[in-house]
Amino acid sequence: MPKKNIQIIFFLLCSAFLSAQSSPDFSILADKAFQKLYQNPDDCINYSLSILNSDKNIEHKIVLRNIISQAYAMKGDYVQSVNISTQKEEPDEDKRLSYFMQTFGDYNLADQYQNLDLYNQSQRIISNLLSDPKLLKSEDKKMRITVAKLYQLQALNFGISRNHISMLENLNKSDQYIDYHNEENKIIAIENNIFRSSYLLKKNKTSEARKIIENVILKLEKEENQPFLLALAYENFSRYYFIKGDYHSSIQQLEKGLANIENLPFNTLKTKIYESLSKNYFALHNDEKYHEYYKLYSENTAKIDSSTKEGIRYIVKLVESSQNKNIEFQKQNQLKRFWIIASVFSLIIIGLIIYFLALKTKRKDLKKQFEFFEKQKTRKKTIPLHTDVPKKEEILSIDKSTEKDSNKISKEKEDEILQKLEQWEETDQFLSKNMSLSMLSTQMGVNTKYLSEVINNNKGKNFNGYINELRINHIAHLLKTDPTYLNYKVSYLAEYSGFSSHSAFTTIFKSVTGMSPNAYIQEISKSRTS
């Protein structure tokens, strides 16, 4: 063969080799982006955007947008998270996606709902996906890791609703779809073990929980550059020591976790660590450190809560405009809905003022007030599902009888909503500052007006009164049954109960119980020492 031809062939082979090296398989790039997600969200965003801007494949863009969306969620920026995950290159791109990408898109939506505390919506989407035999039987590696993440998401949903048995079952199912062939699989497996340890702590299986989390930490410490997972593991381990009453060791674990992410924008995890540190220092009566970390916790929480609210508004608007589903937000435009909600809240405020004044005139002394509160709690447990409408509501309904007749809720629908309310009351979601009539109606998938009518007719109060009474009954029960809470400041009790301020908490506490928080705590303390 002539020497010139040999040189040409060698040149072509080298070019092909270099070309192959400069254009690695997309799955490798995506896996690297997912790994960066747990190392530094900002680096992950920049890296993923650089690929996104040069890749013309629509399905690749969807995967990258999901990773970028998760990075923003880790930073606590839920508006950007929702925004990037819902972007589309073409209006009708959904119609041309493969089965896997349609499934991946639904997973992405379920993930967004969970980030925004809309757990019931997330759970419905995942339940529907996991009922598909084609999805569960697939041997495709991309499909299997997506199923693993779906089961993990569902486990977290069940954990929020305190269905711990179902939580563990879903974590075990998630493990079955992990094959450890890439970093994404390994990370999901580590997260599952951390969540499993958290489950065992809640079930008071502390020895088993400690063994799992110590193994996770030992493995992560041997690897390089895993700040998020290591911080999450340390935060989980600190709960073990907190339960044992070893607050110094708990603080040590939290400080290790914080050291890993202190200079990184993992703001949601930082907030959780700040909260745990403040609780530990409070237990140690170290007021200076308590106030230092409680201030950081409060500042971060305020930012994240604000971002969550904006994210909810954004995703609700998206659902209205792009999906034909049975969600109340679809049926009205944004401006009209705002005025309806404003009108409802105005009526609620008027009702609360009337209720506070009426309650104040009936209470004579602290002892009588306390007895009344105990009777109210007892009556609450035995109240039937269908009670007569209070006289005040009868009076209000006279002028609106014509309007109500045309939109009267059926008995079957009322029973269904009442059953959902009873299930919801078993969770602690009413402690969330973001809870509103619109948000609750979205979680339950029911009409806002129907939900408001059922609460008024069957609970004997409007929505705000209903939520506030659940919160007050919850914190009053903790004060009575757990001596630890008697040592907390009223400002912390207000924050814990979901109230926006100390004064609001005190006013509503007195309206429900007939006494101020301090007076109630004194009565409980006296009863314990007598």
Protein backbone atom coordinates (compact mmCIF):
# COMPACT_ATOMS: atom_id res chain seq x y z
CA MET A 1 0.00 0.00 0.00
CA PRO A 2 1.45 3.40 -0.95
CA LYS A 3 2.78 5.43 1.98
CA LYS A 4 0.46 8.35 1.14
CA ASN A 5 -2.64 6.12 1.40
CA ILE A 6 -1.46 4.78 4.77
CA GLN A 7 -1.13 8.34 6.05
CA ILE A 8 -4.65 9.20 4.88
CA ILE A 9 -6.16 6.12 6.56
CA PHE A 10 -4.25 6.84 9.79
CA PHE A 11 -5.51 10.45 9.74
CA LEU A 12 -9.13 9.32 9.25
CA LEU A 13 -8.86 6.79 12.10
CA CYS A 14 -7.45 9.43 14.44
CA SER A 15 -10.18 11.87 13.48
CA ALA A 16 -12.86 9.28 14.17
CA PHE A 17 -11.28 8.45 17.53
CA LEU A 18 -11.08 12.11 18.57
CA SER A 19 -14.63 12.69 17.41
CA ALA A 20 -15.84 9.79 19.53
CA GLN A 21 -13.93 11.16 22.53
CA SER A 22 -15.37 14.68 22.12
CA SER A 23 -18.99 13.45 21.86
CA PRO A 24 -19.55 10.98 24.70
CA ASP A 25 -22.83 9.15 25.10
CA PHE A 26 -25.55 11.40 26.53
CA SER A 27 -26.24 9.00 29.40
CA ILE A 28 -22.67 9.61 30.65
CA LEU A 29 -23.16 13.38 30.49
CA ALA A 30 -26.53 13.16 32.24
CA ASP A 31 -25.08 10.93 34.95
CA LYS A 32 -22.28 13.43 35.54
CA ALA A 33 -24.84 16.25 35.75
CA PHE A 34 -26.85 14.24 38.30
CA GLN A 35 -23.68 13.67 40.33
CA LYS A 36 -22.93 17.42 40.30
CA LEU A 37 -26.47 17.98 41.61
CA TYR A 38 -25.34 16.53 44.96
CA GLN A 39 -21.97 18.31 44.91
CA ASN A 40 -22.88 21.92 44.11
CA PRO A 41 -26.26 23.03 42.66
CA ASP A 42 -24.72 26.08 40.96
CA ASP A 43 -22.07 23.98 39.22
CA CYS A 44 -24.78 21.51 38.22
CA ILE A 45 -26.90 24.27 36.70
CA ASN A 46 -23.99 25.75 34.72
CA TYR A 47 -22.80 22.34 33.51
CA SER A 48 -26.29 21.18 32.52
CA LEU A 49 -27.08 24.45 30.74
CA SER A 50 -23.91 24.16 28.67
CA ILE A 51 -25.09 20.76 27.42
CA LEU A 52 -28.70 21.90 27.07
CA ASN A 53 -27.80 24.82 24.83
CA SER A 54 -25.82 22.64 22.40
CA ASP A 55 -27.99 19.50 22.36
CA LYS A 56 -30.82 19.49 19.82
CA ASN A 57 -32.48 16.31 21.05
CA ILE A 58 -35.83 17.19 22.72
CA GLU A 59 -35.74 14.19 25.06
CA HIS A 60 -32.22 15.03 26.18
CA LYS A 61 -33.36 18.57 26.93
CA ILE A 62 -36.21 17.28 29.12
CA VAL A 63 -33.82 15.17 31.19
CA LEU A 64 -31.41 18.09 31.62
CA ARG A 65 -34.22 20.50 32.55
CA ASN A 66 -35.32 18.04 35.24
CA ILE A 67 -31.81 17.96 36.73
CA ILE A 68 -31.58 21.77 36.65
CA SER A 69 -35.02 21.94 38.25
CA GLN A 70 -33.88 19.70 41.11
CA ALA A 71 -30.81 21.90 41.59
CA TYR A 72 -32.99 24.98 42.04
CA ALA A 73 -35.21 23.04 44.46
CA MET A 74 -32.15 22.15 46.58
CA LYS A 75 -31.38 25.87 46.69
CA GLY A 76 -34.92 26.59 47.85
CA ASP A 77 -35.76 28.51 44.66
CA TYR A 78 -39.03 26.78 43.77
CA VAL A 79 -40.13 29.43 41.27
CA GLN A 80 -37.11 28.76 39.05
CA SER A 81 -37.47 25.04 39.70
CA VAL A 82 -41.05 24.99 38.37
CA ASN A 83 -40.20 27.39 35.56
CA ILE A 84 -37.28 25.38 34.12
CA SER A 85 -39.06 22.02 34.45
CA THR A 86 -42.11 23.20 32.51
CA GLN A 87 -40.31 24.84 29.58
CA LYS A 88 -40.97 23.40 26.13
CA GLU A 89 -39.08 23.74 22.88
CA GLU A 90 -42.24 23.27 20.80
CA PRO A 91 -45.94 23.61 21.71
CA ASP A 92 -46.82 20.04 20.70
CA GLU A 93 -43.61 18.30 21.77
CA ASP A 94 -45.51 16.03 24.23
CA LYS A 95 -47.25 14.27 21.33
CA ARG A 96 -43.92 13.18 19.82
CA LEU A 97 -42.28 11.88 23.00
CA SER A 98 -41.49 8.23 23.62
CA TYR A 99 -43.29 6.20 26.29
CA PHE A 100 -40.31 6.58 28.60
CA MET A 101 -40.20 10.36 28.25
CA GLN A 102 -43.95 10.68 28.85
CA THR A 103 -43.46 8.66 32.04
CA PHE A 104 -40.42 10.76 32.96
CA GLY A 105 -42.47 13.93 32.43
CA ASP A 106 -45.15 12.69 34.85
CA TYR A 107 -42.43 11.81 37.38
CA ASN A 108 -41.09 15.33 37.02
CA LEU A 109 -44.54 16.80 37.74
CA ALA A 110 -44.97 14.54 40.80
CA ASP A 111 -41.55 15.69 42.03
CA GLN A 112 -42.57 19.33 41.64
CA TYR A 113 -45.80 18.79 43.58
CA GLN A 114 -43.85 17.18 46.42
CA ASN A 115 -41.35 20.04 46.54
CA LEU A 116 -44.29 22.44 46.93
CA ASP A 117 -45.85 20.37 49.77
CA LEU A 118 -48.75 19.24 47.53
CA TYR A 119 -48.26 15.65 48.66
CA ASN A 120 -51.69 14.28 47.74
CA GLN A 121 -51.33 15.50 44.15
CA SER A 122 -47.89 13.92 43.95
CA GLN A 123 -49.19 10.66 45.40
CA ARG A 124 -52.04 10.44 42.87
CA ILE A 125 -49.72 10.87 39.89
CA ILE A 126 -47.27 8.24 41.18
CA SER A 127 -50.02 5.74 42.05
CA ASN A 128 -51.34 6.03 38.51
CA LEU A 129 -47.88 5.50 37.00
CA LEU A 130 -47.03 2.50 39.21
CA SER A 131 -50.27 0.77 38.25
CA ASP A 132 -48.93 0.27 34.72
CA PRO A 133 -47.49 -3.29 34.29
CA LYS A 134 -45.54 -2.17 31.22
CA LEU A 135 -43.59 0.29 33.35
CA LEU A 136 -42.89 -2.14 36.19
CA LYS A 137 -41.79 -5.00 33.91
CA SER A 138 -39.48 -2.94 31.71
CA GLU A 139 -35.83 -4.07 31.60
CA ASP A 140 -34.64 -0.74 30.20
CA LYS A 141 -32.10 0.78 32.61
CA LYS A 142 -33.45 4.31 32.23
CA MET A 143 -36.96 3.07 32.92
CA ARG A 144 -35.91 1.06 35.95
CA ILE A 145 -34.12 3.94 37.68
CA THR A 146 -37.15 6.14 37.02
CA VAL A 147 -39.34 3.50 38.71
CA ALA A 148 -36.88 3.44 41.63
CA LYS A 149 -37.22 7.21 41.99
CA LEU A 150 -41.01 6.98 41.74
CA TYR A 151 -41.12 4.49 44.62
CA GLN A 152 -38.76 6.72 46.61
CA LEU A 153 -40.99 9.74 46.04
CA GLN A 154 -44.03 7.73 47.06
CA ALA A 155 -42.24 6.59 50.22
CA LEU A 156 -41.65 10.22 51.16
CA ASN A 157 -45.32 11.01 50.50
CA PHE A 158 -46.36 8.21 52.85
CA GLY A 159 -43.83 9.41 55.42
CA ILE A 160 -45.42 12.86 55.46
CA SER A 161 -48.84 11.31 56.13
CA ARG A 162 -47.26 9.11 58.85
CA ASN A 163 -48.07 5.89 57.02
CA HIS A 164 -44.70 4.46 57.97
CA ILE A 165 -45.45 0.87 56.96
CA SER A 166 -46.23 1.94 53.38
CA MET A 167 -43.18 4.19 53.46
CA LEU A 168 -40.89 1.23 54.23
CA GLU A 169 -42.60 -0.96 51.61
CA ASN A 170 -42.00 1.64 48.91
CA LEU A 171 -38.35 2.11 49.91
CA ASN A 172 -37.85 -1.66 49.62
CA LYS A 173 -39.50 -1.66 46.19
CA SER A 174 -37.29 1.23 45.13
CA ASP A 175 -34.19 -0.81 46.07
CA GLN A 176 -35.37 -3.66 43.84
CA TYR A 177 -35.04 -1.43 40.74
CA ILE A 178 -31.51 -0.21 41.53
CA ASP A 179 -28.63 -1.94 39.75
CA TYR A 180 -25.70 0.36 40.75
CA HIS A 181 -24.45 0.62 37.16
CA ASN A 182 -23.99 4.42 37.41
CA GLU A 183 -23.75 7.22 39.97
CA GLU A 184 -27.47 8.00 39.80
CA ASN A 185 -28.31 4.47 40.94
CA LYS A 186 -25.76 4.63 43.75
CA ILE A 187 -27.05 7.98 45.00
CA ILE A 188 -30.68 6.82 45.05
CA ALA A 189 -29.60 3.73 47.02
CA ILE A 190 -27.79 5.88 49.60
CA GLU A 191 -30.80 8.19 49.95
CA ASN A 192 -33.07 5.17 50.49
CA ASN A 193 -30.88 4.00 53.37
CA ILE A 194 -30.92 7.45 54.96
CA PHE A 195 -34.72 7.59 54.68
CA ARG A 196 -34.94 4.02 56.02
CA SER A 197 -32.91 5.03 59.06
CA SER A 198 -35.28 7.96 59.62
CA TYR A 199 -38.24 5.55 59.48
CA LEU A 200 -36.64 3.26 62.08
CA LEU A 201 -36.02 6.20 64.42
CA LYS A 202 -39.68 7.15 64.22
CA LYS A 203 -40.58 3.55 65.07
CA ASN A 204 -38.18 3.76 68.07
CA LYS A 205 -35.90 1.11 66.56
CA THR A 206 -32.85 3.19 67.43
CA SER A 207 -30.22 0.43 67.32
CA GLU A 208 -31.19 -0.62 63.78
CA ALA A 209 -31.35 3.01 62.67
CA ARG A 210 -27.89 3.74 64.06
CA LYS A 211 -26.35 0.74 62.33
CA ILE A 212 -27.71 1.78 58.94
CA ILE A 213 -26.75 5.45 59.19
CA GLU A 214 -23.25 4.68 60.51
CA ASN A 215 -22.65 2.41 57.52
CA VAL A 216 -23.84 5.15 55.18
CA ILE A 217 -21.55 7.74 56.78
CA LEU A 218 -18.58 5.37 56.74
CA LYS A 219 -19.09 4.73 53.02
CA LEU A 220 -19.56 8.40 52.15
CA GLU A 221 -16.51 9.50 54.13
CA LYS A 222 -14.36 7.17 52.01
CA GLU A 223 -15.63 8.77 48.82
CA GLU A 224 -14.69 12.24 47.65
CA ASN A 225 -16.97 15.19 47.09
CA GLN A 226 -20.34 14.00 48.44
CA PRO A 227 -21.22 17.04 50.61
CA PHE A 228 -25.01 16.89 50.35
CA LEU A 229 -25.44 13.20 51.10
CA LEU A 230 -22.90 13.35 53.92
CA ALA A 231 -24.60 16.40 55.47
CA LEU A 232 -27.99 14.70 55.14
CA ALA A 233 -26.62 11.56 56.82
CA TYR A 234 -25.07 13.55 59.68
CA GLU A 235 -28.36 15.42 60.17
CA ASN A 236 -30.18 12.09 60.35
CA PHE A 237 -27.63 10.68 62.82
CA SER A 238 -28.07 13.74 65.05
CA ARG A 239 -31.72 12.73 65.58
CA TYR A 240 -30.58 9.47 67.10
CA TYR A 241 -28.58 11.33 69.76
CA PHE A 242 -31.39 13.86 70.28
CA ILE A 243 -33.82 11.02 71.03
CA LYS A 244 -31.28 9.59 73.48
CA GLY A 245 -30.97 12.99 75.20
CA ASP A 246 -27.28 13.28 74.25
CA TYR A 247 -27.53 16.84 72.94
CA HIS A 248 -23.76 17.45 72.77
CA SER A 249 -23.24 14.46 70.45
CA SER A 250 -26.26 15.55 68.42
CA ILE A 251 -24.70 19.00 67.96
CA GLN A 252 -21.39 17.42 66.91
CA GLN A 253 -23.14 15.50 64.12
CA LEU A 254 -25.02 18.60 62.98
CA GLU A 255 -21.84 20.69 62.94
CA LYS A 256 -20.14 18.03 60.80
CA GLY A 257 -23.06 18.14 58.41
CA LEU A 258 -23.09 21.94 58.29
CA ALA A 259 -19.33 22.04 57.67
CA ASN A 260 -19.83 20.01 54.48
CA ILE A 261 -22.37 22.42 52.95
CA GLU A 262 -21.77 25.75 54.72
CA ASN A 263 -20.28 27.34 51.59
CA LEU A 264 -22.65 25.59 49.19
CA PRO A 265 -26.19 26.70 48.25
CA PHE A 266 -28.03 23.68 49.74
CA ASN A 267 -30.42 26.07 51.46
CA THR A 268 -33.25 23.63 52.21
CA LEU A 269 -30.91 21.23 54.01
CA LYS A 270 -29.17 24.10 55.80
CA THR A 271 -32.53 25.26 57.14
CA LYS A 272 -33.21 21.81 58.55
CA ILE A 273 -29.79 21.75 60.25
CA TYR A 274 -30.27 25.26 61.68
CA GLU A 275 -33.59 24.18 63.17
CA SER A 276 -32.07 21.06 64.74
CA LEU A 277 -29.15 23.05 66.17
CA SER A 278 -31.50 25.58 67.76
CA LYS A 279 -33.51 22.77 69.39
CA ASN A 280 -30.39 21.14 70.80
CA TYR A 281 -28.98 24.39 72.19
CA PHE A 282 -32.38 25.19 73.65
CA ALA A 283 -32.35 21.84 75.44
CA LEU A 284 -28.88 22.70 76.78
CA HIS A 285 -30.12 26.16 77.93
CA ASN A 286 -27.50 27.88 75.76
CA ASP A 287 -29.55 30.97 74.91
CA GLU A 288 -26.85 32.65 72.82
CA LYS A 289 -26.42 29.70 70.44
CA TYR A 290 -30.15 29.01 70.44
CA HIS A 291 -30.96 32.54 69.27
CA GLU A 292 -28.10 32.48 66.73
CA TYR A 293 -29.33 29.38 64.96
CA TYR A 294 -33.02 30.10 65.45
CA LYS A 295 -32.47 33.43 63.67
CA LEU A 296 -30.76 31.66 60.75
CA TYR A 297 -33.55 29.09 60.67
CA SER A 298 -36.26 31.78 60.68
CA GLU A 299 -34.59 33.85 57.95
CA ASN A 300 -34.11 30.84 55.65
CA THR A 301 -37.62 29.54 56.37
CA ALA A 302 -39.15 32.90 55.46
CA LYS A 303 -37.32 32.92 52.10
CA ILE A 304 -38.23 29.31 51.32
CA ASP A 305 -41.88 29.80 52.35
CA SER A 306 -42.13 32.82 50.07
CA SER A 307 -40.59 30.85 47.21
CA THR A 308 -42.96 27.94 47.89
CA LYS A 309 -46.01 30.19 47.69
CA GLU A 310 -44.83 31.67 44.39
CA GLY A 311 -44.05 28.19 43.08
CA ILE A 312 -47.56 27.00 43.95
CA ARG A 313 -49.09 29.97 42.15
CA TYR A 314 -46.93 29.26 39.12
CA ILE A 315 -47.67 25.55 38.92
CA VAL A 316 -51.41 26.12 39.48
CA LYS A 317 -51.40 28.60 36.62
CA LEU A 318 -49.56 26.06 34.48
CA VAL A 319 -52.09 23.33 35.24
CA GLU A 320 -54.93 25.72 34.37
CA SER A 321 -53.49 26.59 30.99
CA SER A 322 -51.94 23.31 29.81
CA GLN A 323 -53.76 20.35 31.38
CA ASN A 324 -57.36 19.27 31.25
CA LYS A 325 -57.63 17.72 34.70
CA ASN A 326 -60.14 17.90 37.54
CA ILE A 327 -58.48 20.67 39.48
CA GLU A 328 -60.54 23.63 40.66
CA PHE A 329 -57.86 26.08 39.64
CA GLN A 330 -58.55 25.25 35.97
CA LYS A 331 -62.06 26.66 36.07
CA GLN A 332 -61.37 30.32 36.73
CA ASN A 333 -58.85 32.86 35.58
CA GLN A 334 -56.29 34.22 38.02
CA LEU A 335 -57.91 37.61 38.62
CA LYS A 336 -61.40 36.23 39.24
CA ARG A 337 -60.05 33.61 41.63
CA PHE A 338 -58.16 36.26 43.60
CA TRP A 339 -61.30 38.29 44.25
CA ILE A 340 -63.29 35.21 45.25
CA ILE A 341 -60.61 34.17 47.75
CA ALA A 342 -60.34 37.74 49.05
CA SER A 343 -64.13 37.81 49.62
CA VAL A 344 -64.08 34.48 51.42
CA PHE A 345 -61.24 35.58 53.69
CA SER A 346 -63.09 38.81 54.47
CA LEU A 347 -66.11 36.81 55.61
CA ILE A 348 -63.85 34.54 57.64
CA ILE A 349 -62.23 37.49 59.42
CA ILE A 350 -65.65 38.97 60.25
CA GLY A 351 -66.80 35.60 61.56
CA LEU A 352 -63.68 35.25 63.73
CA ILE A 353 -64.17 38.70 65.25
CA ILE A 354 -67.77 37.86 66.17
CA TYR A 355 -66.67 34.52 67.60
CA PHE A 356 -63.89 36.06 69.74
CA LEU A 357 -66.23 38.68 71.19
CA ALA A 358 -68.94 36.12 71.99
CA LEU A 359 -66.44 33.77 73.62
CA LYS A 360 -64.85 36.53 75.71
CA THR A 361 -68.15 37.53 77.32
CA LYS A 362 -68.96 33.96 78.39
CA ARG A 363 -65.75 33.19 80.26
CA LYS A 364 -65.57 34.30 83.95
CA ASP A 365 -62.33 32.96 85.34
CA LEU A 366 -59.33 30.86 84.34
CA LYS A 367 -60.58 27.70 86.02
CA LYS A 368 -63.90 27.85 84.26
CA GLN A 369 -62.12 28.62 80.98
CA PHE A 370 -59.85 25.59 81.35
CA GLU A 371 -62.82 23.31 82.12
CA PHE A 372 -64.61 24.64 79.05
CA PHE A 373 -61.59 23.87 76.88
CA GLU A 374 -61.41 20.30 78.19
CA LYS A 375 -65.12 19.84 77.45
CA GLN A 376 -64.65 21.25 73.96
CA LYS A 377 -61.88 18.72 73.27
CA THR A 378 -64.06 15.88 74.53
CA ARG A 379 -67.00 16.99 72.43
CA LYS A 380 -64.72 17.19 69.40
CA LYS A 381 -63.91 13.49 69.63
CA THR A 382 -67.53 12.41 69.90
CA ILE A 383 -69.14 14.87 67.47
CA PRO A 384 -71.02 12.99 64.69
CA LEU A 385 -70.24 13.52 61.05
CA HIS A 386 -73.57 15.25 60.44
CA THR A 387 -74.41 17.96 62.93
CA ASP A 388 -77.04 20.65 62.79
CA VAL A 389 -75.94 23.93 61.27
CA PRO A 390 -75.19 26.48 64.01
CA LYS A 391 -77.76 29.23 64.50
CA LYS A 392 -75.35 31.85 63.24
CA GLU A 393 -75.00 29.98 59.98
CA GLU A 394 -78.79 29.62 59.74
CA ILE A 395 -79.12 33.37 60.01
CA LEU A 396 -76.48 33.94 57.35
CA SER A 397 -78.12 31.40 55.06
CA ILE A 398 -81.53 33.20 55.02
CA ASP A 399 -80.38 35.88 52.62
CA LYS A 400 -78.51 33.34 50.47
CA SER A 401 -81.10 30.56 50.37
CA THR A 402 -81.91 31.13 46.73
CA GLU A 403 -78.25 31.07 45.75
CA LYS A 404 -77.49 27.91 47.75
CA ASP A 405 -80.48 26.03 46.38
CA SER A 406 -79.07 26.24 42.88
CA ASN A 407 -75.69 24.91 43.92
CA LYS A 408 -76.61 22.60 46.77
CA ILE A 409 -74.04 19.91 47.49
CA SER A 410 -75.25 16.31 47.42
CA LYS A 411 -75.18 14.19 50.59
CA GLU A 412 -72.87 11.67 48.90
CA LYS A 413 -70.37 14.39 47.95
CA GLU A 414 -70.56 15.89 51.45
CA ASP A 415 -69.81 12.47 53.00
CA GLU A 416 -66.85 12.02 50.66
CA ILE A 417 -65.37 15.43 51.58
CA LEU A 418 -65.92 14.77 55.29
CA GLN A 419 -64.07 11.46 55.03
CA LYS A 420 -61.13 13.20 53.31
CA LEU A 421 -61.11 15.88 56.03
CA GLU A 422 -60.99 13.23 58.75
CA GLN A 423 -58.01 11.53 57.07
CA TRP A 424 -56.28 14.88 56.60
CA GLU A 425 -56.76 15.79 60.29
CA GLU A 426 -54.65 12.75 61.22
CA THR A 427 -51.60 14.43 59.62
CA ASP A 428 -49.75 17.54 60.82
CA GLN A 429 -50.13 19.41 57.53
CA PHE A 430 -52.38 22.01 59.18
CA LEU A 431 -49.22 23.27 60.97
CA SER A 432 -47.89 24.60 57.65
CA LYS A 433 -47.94 28.39 57.35
CA ASN A 434 -48.82 27.97 53.68
CA MET A 435 -52.06 26.15 54.37
CA SER A 436 -55.08 27.88 52.80
CA LEU A 437 -58.53 26.94 51.57
CA SER A 438 -57.28 26.89 47.99
CA MET A 439 -54.28 24.71 48.84
CA LEU A 440 -56.38 22.23 50.84
CA SER A 441 -58.94 21.98 48.03
CA THR A 442 -56.09 21.26 45.59
CA GLN A 443 -54.64 18.53 47.80
CA MET A 444 -58.04 16.86 48.19
CA GLY A 445 -59.09 17.40 44.57
CA VAL A 446 -62.46 18.93 45.55
CA ASN A 447 -64.34 22.09 44.69
CA THR A 448 -63.30 25.09 46.84
CA LYS A 449 -66.88 26.24 47.43
CA TYR A 450 -68.00 22.72 48.37
CA LEU A 451 -65.10 22.35 50.81
CA SER A 452 -65.91 25.70 52.43
CA GLU A 453 -69.60 24.79 52.73
CA VAL A 454 -68.86 21.38 54.28
CA ILE A 455 -66.48 22.92 56.85
CA ASN A 456 -69.00 25.58 57.79
CA ASN A 457 -71.93 23.17 58.06
CA ASN A 458 -70.22 20.26 59.80
CA LYS A 459 -67.39 21.83 61.80
CA GLY A 460 -69.45 24.78 63.03
CA LYS A 461 -66.86 27.32 61.91
CA ASN A 462 -65.22 28.84 58.87
CA PHE A 463 -61.96 27.64 57.35
CA ASN A 464 -59.61 29.86 59.38
CA GLY A 465 -61.37 28.97 62.61
CA TYR A 466 -61.21 25.29 61.70
CA ILE A 467 -57.46 25.36 60.90
CA ASN A 468 -56.59 27.48 63.93
CA GLU A 469 -58.53 25.21 66.28
CA LEU A 470 -56.69 22.16 64.91
CA ARG A 471 -53.38 23.93 65.53
CA ILE A 472 -54.28 25.06 69.05
CA ASN A 473 -55.68 21.65 70.02
CA HIS A 474 -52.47 20.08 68.71
CA ILE A 475 -50.09 22.31 70.70
CA ALA A 476 -52.33 22.16 73.80
CA HIS A 477 -52.20 18.37 73.64
CA LEU A 478 -48.38 18.43 73.36
CA LEU A 479 -48.13 20.81 76.32
CA LYS A 480 -50.28 18.47 78.38
CA THR A 481 -48.62 15.16 77.38
CA ASP A 482 -44.97 16.11 76.77
CA PRO A 483 -43.25 18.08 79.62
CA THR A 484 -40.51 19.22 77.21
CA TYR A 485 -42.88 21.69 75.56
CA LEU A 486 -43.63 23.39 78.89
CA ASN A 487 -40.06 24.79 78.80
CA TYR A 488 -40.38 26.31 75.33
CA LYS A 489 -41.00 30.00 74.86
CA VAL A 490 -44.39 31.09 73.58
CA SER A 491 -42.72 32.54 70.47
CA TYR A 492 -41.33 29.09 69.60
CA LEU A 493 -44.73 27.44 70.26
CA ALA A 494 -46.31 30.00 67.90
CA GLU A 495 -43.73 29.30 65.18
CA TYR A 496 -44.10 25.53 65.64
CA SER A 497 -47.91 25.76 65.43
CA GLY A 498 -47.83 27.57 62.09
CA PHE A 499 -48.78 31.08 63.25
CA SER A 500 -47.27 34.15 61.66
CA SER A 501 -46.64 35.99 64.94
CA HIS A 502 -46.57 35.71 68.72
CA SER A 503 -49.57 38.04 69.07
CA ALA A 504 -51.70 36.12 66.57
CA PHE A 505 -50.96 32.86 68.37
CA THR A 506 -51.81 34.33 71.78
CA THR A 507 -55.09 35.85 70.57
CA ILE A 508 -56.30 32.69 68.85
CA PHE A 509 -55.08 30.44 71.68
CA LYS A 510 -57.18 32.44 74.13
CA SER A 511 -60.20 32.42 71.82
CA VAL A 512 -60.10 28.60 71.56
CA THR A 513 -59.10 27.65 75.11
CA GLY A 514 -60.45 30.62 77.05
CA MET A 515 -57.03 31.42 78.50
CA SER A 516 -53.66 32.77 77.43
CA PRO A 517 -50.80 30.35 76.57
CA ASN A 518 -48.90 31.33 79.74
CA ALA A 519 -51.96 30.75 81.92
CA TYR A 520 -52.56 27.39 80.30
CA ILE A 521 -48.92 26.35 80.85
CA GLN A 522 -49.19 27.38 84.52
CA GLU A 523 -52.32 25.27 84.97
CA ILE A 524 -50.64 22.24 83.37
CA SER A 525 -47.51 22.72 85.51
CA LYS A 526 -49.63 22.94 88.68
CA SER A 527 -51.50 19.76 87.80
CA ARG A 528 -48.19 17.91 87.30
CA THR A 529 -46.75 18.98 90.66
CA SER A 530 -49.96 18.39 92.65
